[in-house]
Amino acid sequence: MSNSEKRWRRFYLILMIFIYVVFVPVTVIEWLAGTGGFPITAVVVGVGLPLMRKNHLNSIREKEGKDAV
C-alpha cells in the first residue's frame, strides 16, 4: 500500500466518521421532529460515499500498478 493510498484511506475514514456520526443522525432527527424536509442529501451521501471511496481507491491501485511496470 503506497503513501498516497494510506493518506486517502485516512481522509475517507475521517470523512465517513463525520458523515455517519454527525451529519446523517442530525438530519434524520430534524426530519423526524418535523423541523426539516426529507433528508435526501443524507441518503445520497450515505449511500454514495462508500461507493465513491471504493472506486477511488481502486483507481489509485490501478494507477500504481501501471506506474510500477
Protein backbone atom coordinates (compact mmCIF):
# COMPACT_ATOMS: atom_id res chain seq x y z
CA MET A 1 0.00 0.00 0.00
CA SER A 2 1.51 3.30 -1.06
CA ASN A 3 1.68 6.52 0.91
CA SER A 4 -0.93 8.07 -1.37
CA GLU A 5 -3.41 5.28 -0.71
CA LYS A 6 -2.75 5.45 3.04
CA ARG A 7 -3.45 9.20 3.06
CA TRP A 8 -6.68 8.77 1.11
CA ARG A 9 -7.80 5.93 3.39
CA ARG A 10 -7.24 8.17 6.42
CA PHE A 11 -9.12 11.03 4.73
CA TYR A 12 -12.09 8.79 3.89
CA LEU A 13 -12.11 7.37 7.43
CA ILE A 14 -12.34 10.85 8.95
CA LEU A 15 -14.95 11.93 6.40
CA MET A 16 -17.08 8.82 6.96
CA ILE A 17 -16.93 9.20 10.74
CA PHE A 18 -18.16 12.79 10.44
CA ILE A 19 -20.89 11.90 7.92
CA TYR A 20 -22.25 8.85 9.77
CA VAL A 21 -21.84 10.13 13.35
CA VAL A 22 -22.85 13.78 12.94
CA PHE A 23 -24.48 14.68 9.63
CA VAL A 24 -26.83 11.76 8.96
CA PRO A 25 -28.21 11.44 12.51
CA VAL A 26 -28.80 15.20 12.82
CA THR A 27 -30.67 15.41 9.52
CA VAL A 28 -32.76 12.33 10.30
CA ILE A 29 -33.64 13.66 13.77
CA GLU A 30 -34.63 17.01 12.25
CA TRP A 31 -36.81 15.19 9.74
CA LEU A 32 -38.47 13.05 12.41
CA ALA A 33 -39.01 16.11 14.62
CA GLY A 34 -40.76 17.84 11.76
CA THR A 35 -38.40 20.81 11.51
CA GLY A 36 -36.84 19.74 8.23
CA GLY A 37 -37.76 18.07 4.99
CA PHE A 38 -36.90 14.54 3.92
CA PRO A 39 -33.11 14.08 4.30
CA ILE A 40 -32.39 13.30 0.64
CA THR A 41 -28.88 14.74 0.90
CA ALA A 42 -28.05 12.49 3.85
CA VAL A 43 -29.38 9.45 2.00
CA VAL A 44 -27.43 10.23 -1.18
CA VAL A 45 -24.22 10.95 0.69
CA GLY A 46 -24.69 7.95 2.99
CA VAL A 47 -25.08 5.60 0.03
CA GLY A 48 -22.67 7.29 -2.36
CA LEU A 49 -19.67 7.83 -0.10
CA PRO A 50 -18.68 4.16 0.31
CA LEU A 51 -19.10 3.60 -3.42
CA MET A 52 -17.01 6.67 -4.21
CA ARG A 53 -14.33 5.56 -1.74
CA LYS A 54 -14.11 2.08 -3.23
CA ASN A 55 -13.91 3.37 -6.79
CA HIS A 56 -11.28 6.00 -5.94
CA LEU A 57 -9.03 3.58 -4.03
CA ASN A 58 -9.28 1.03 -6.85
CA SER A 59 -8.24 3.67 -9.38
CA ILE A 60 -5.23 4.58 -7.19
CA ARG A 61 -4.21 0.90 -7.05
CA GLU A 62 -4.58 0.56 -10.83
CA LYS A 63 -2.52 3.70 -11.42
CA GLU A 64 0.24 2.46 -9.11
CA GLY A 65 0.23 -0.91 -10.86
CA LYS A 66 0.73 0.73 -14.25
CA ASP A 67 3.46 3.03 -12.90
CA ALA A 68 5.34 0.11 -11.37
CA VAL A 69 5.53 -1.79 -14.65
